């Protein structure tokens, strides 16, 4: 983060009350003055995990969502 002053946190779990939420909270608290953009999180959709493989793939984080978040935090979207 010191090199770019930006952060994207990726986790496979749900967006609320998970490890990613705690990591973002600590980063915002400890490094707020060093950030040039808000910290973005990419994680599983906030739905119960489906059993069908095609729906499961839609619920999990994808490379496209990570790329979109990186572009967003760099103000290139």
Protein backbone atom coordinates (compact mmCIF):
# COMPACT_ATOMS: atom_id res chain seq x y z
CA UNK A 1 0.00 0.00 0.00
CA UNK A 2 2.85 2.41 0.67
CA UNK A 3 3.92 2.21 -2.97
CA UNK A 4 0.54 3.06 -4.55
CA UNK A 5 -1.46 4.47 -1.61
CA UNK A 6 -4.40 2.34 -2.74
CA UNK A 7 -5.85 -0.97 -1.54
CA UNK A 8 -8.20 -3.64 -2.87
CA UNK A 9 -9.03 -6.48 -0.48
CA UNK A 10 -10.14 -9.79 -2.00
CA UNK A 11 -11.78 -12.54 0.00
CA UNK A 12 -13.93 -15.51 -0.87
CA UNK A 13 -16.29 -15.01 2.05
CA UNK A 14 -19.34 -12.81 2.53
CA UNK A 15 -18.81 -9.05 2.60
CA UNK A 16 -20.06 -8.42 6.16
CA UNK A 17 -18.48 -9.51 9.43
CA UNK A 18 -15.68 -11.42 7.71
CA UNK A 19 -11.92 -11.22 7.64
CA UNK A 20 -11.95 -8.71 4.79
CA UNK A 21 -14.16 -6.33 6.76
CA UNK A 22 -11.76 -6.43 9.69
CA UNK A 23 -8.71 -5.92 7.48
CA UNK A 24 -10.31 -2.91 5.79
CA UNK A 25 -11.28 -1.50 9.18
CA UNK A 26 -7.69 -1.71 10.44
CA UNK A 27 -6.29 -0.21 7.23
CA UNK A 28 -8.76 2.68 7.34
CA UNK A 29 -7.93 3.32 10.99
CA UNK A 30 -4.14 2.96 10.83
CA UNK A 31 -3.34 4.30 7.34
CA UNK A 32 -6.14 6.74 6.54
CA UNK A 33 -3.76 9.65 5.88
CA UNK A 34 -1.69 7.57 3.43
CA UNK A 35 -4.66 6.51 1.26
CA UNK A 36 -5.38 8.31 -2.01
CA UNK A 37 -8.64 6.40 -2.61
CA UNK A 38 -11.17 4.47 -0.54
CA UNK A 39 -10.31 0.84 0.22
CA UNK A 40 -12.44 -1.44 -1.96
CA UNK A 41 -13.50 -4.98 -1.13
CA UNK A 42 -14.26 -7.78 -3.55
CA UNK A 43 -15.95 -10.83 -2.11
CA UNK A 44 -18.76 -13.29 -2.43
CA UNK A 45 -22.21 -11.95 -3.27
CA UNK A 46 -24.31 -11.33 -0.17
CA UNK A 47 -26.54 -14.35 -0.81
CA UNK A 48 -26.65 -17.89 0.56
CA UNK A 49 -24.18 -20.03 -1.39
CA UNK A 50 -26.16 -21.80 -4.13
CA UNK A 51 -25.74 -25.51 -4.88
CA UNK A 52 -25.94 -25.21 -8.67
CA UNK A 53 -22.44 -24.85 -10.15
CA UNK A 54 -23.40 -22.02 -12.55
CA UNK A 55 -25.00 -19.98 -9.76
CA UNK A 56 -22.09 -20.71 -7.43
CA UNK A 57 -19.68 -19.30 -10.02
CA UNK A 58 -21.78 -16.13 -10.24
CA UNK A 59 -21.77 -15.71 -6.45
CA UNK A 60 -18.01 -16.10 -5.99
CA UNK A 61 -15.55 -13.29 -6.73
CA UNK A 62 -14.31 -13.35 -10.31
CA UNK A 63 -11.27 -12.00 -12.11
CA UNK A 64 -13.51 -9.48 -13.87
CA UNK A 65 -14.76 -8.10 -10.55
CA UNK A 66 -11.19 -7.81 -9.24
CA UNK A 67 -10.06 -5.99 -12.39
CA UNK A 68 -13.06 -3.64 -12.16
CA UNK A 69 -12.25 -2.87 -8.50
CA UNK A 70 -8.61 -2.15 -9.37
CA UNK A 71 -9.66 0.20 -12.17
CA UNK A 72 -12.11 1.88 -9.80
CA UNK A 73 -9.53 2.47 -7.08
CA UNK A 74 -7.17 3.91 -9.71
CA UNK A 75 -9.97 6.15 -11.05
CA UNK A 76 -9.78 4.55 -14.49
CA UNK A 77 -13.33 3.28 -14.84
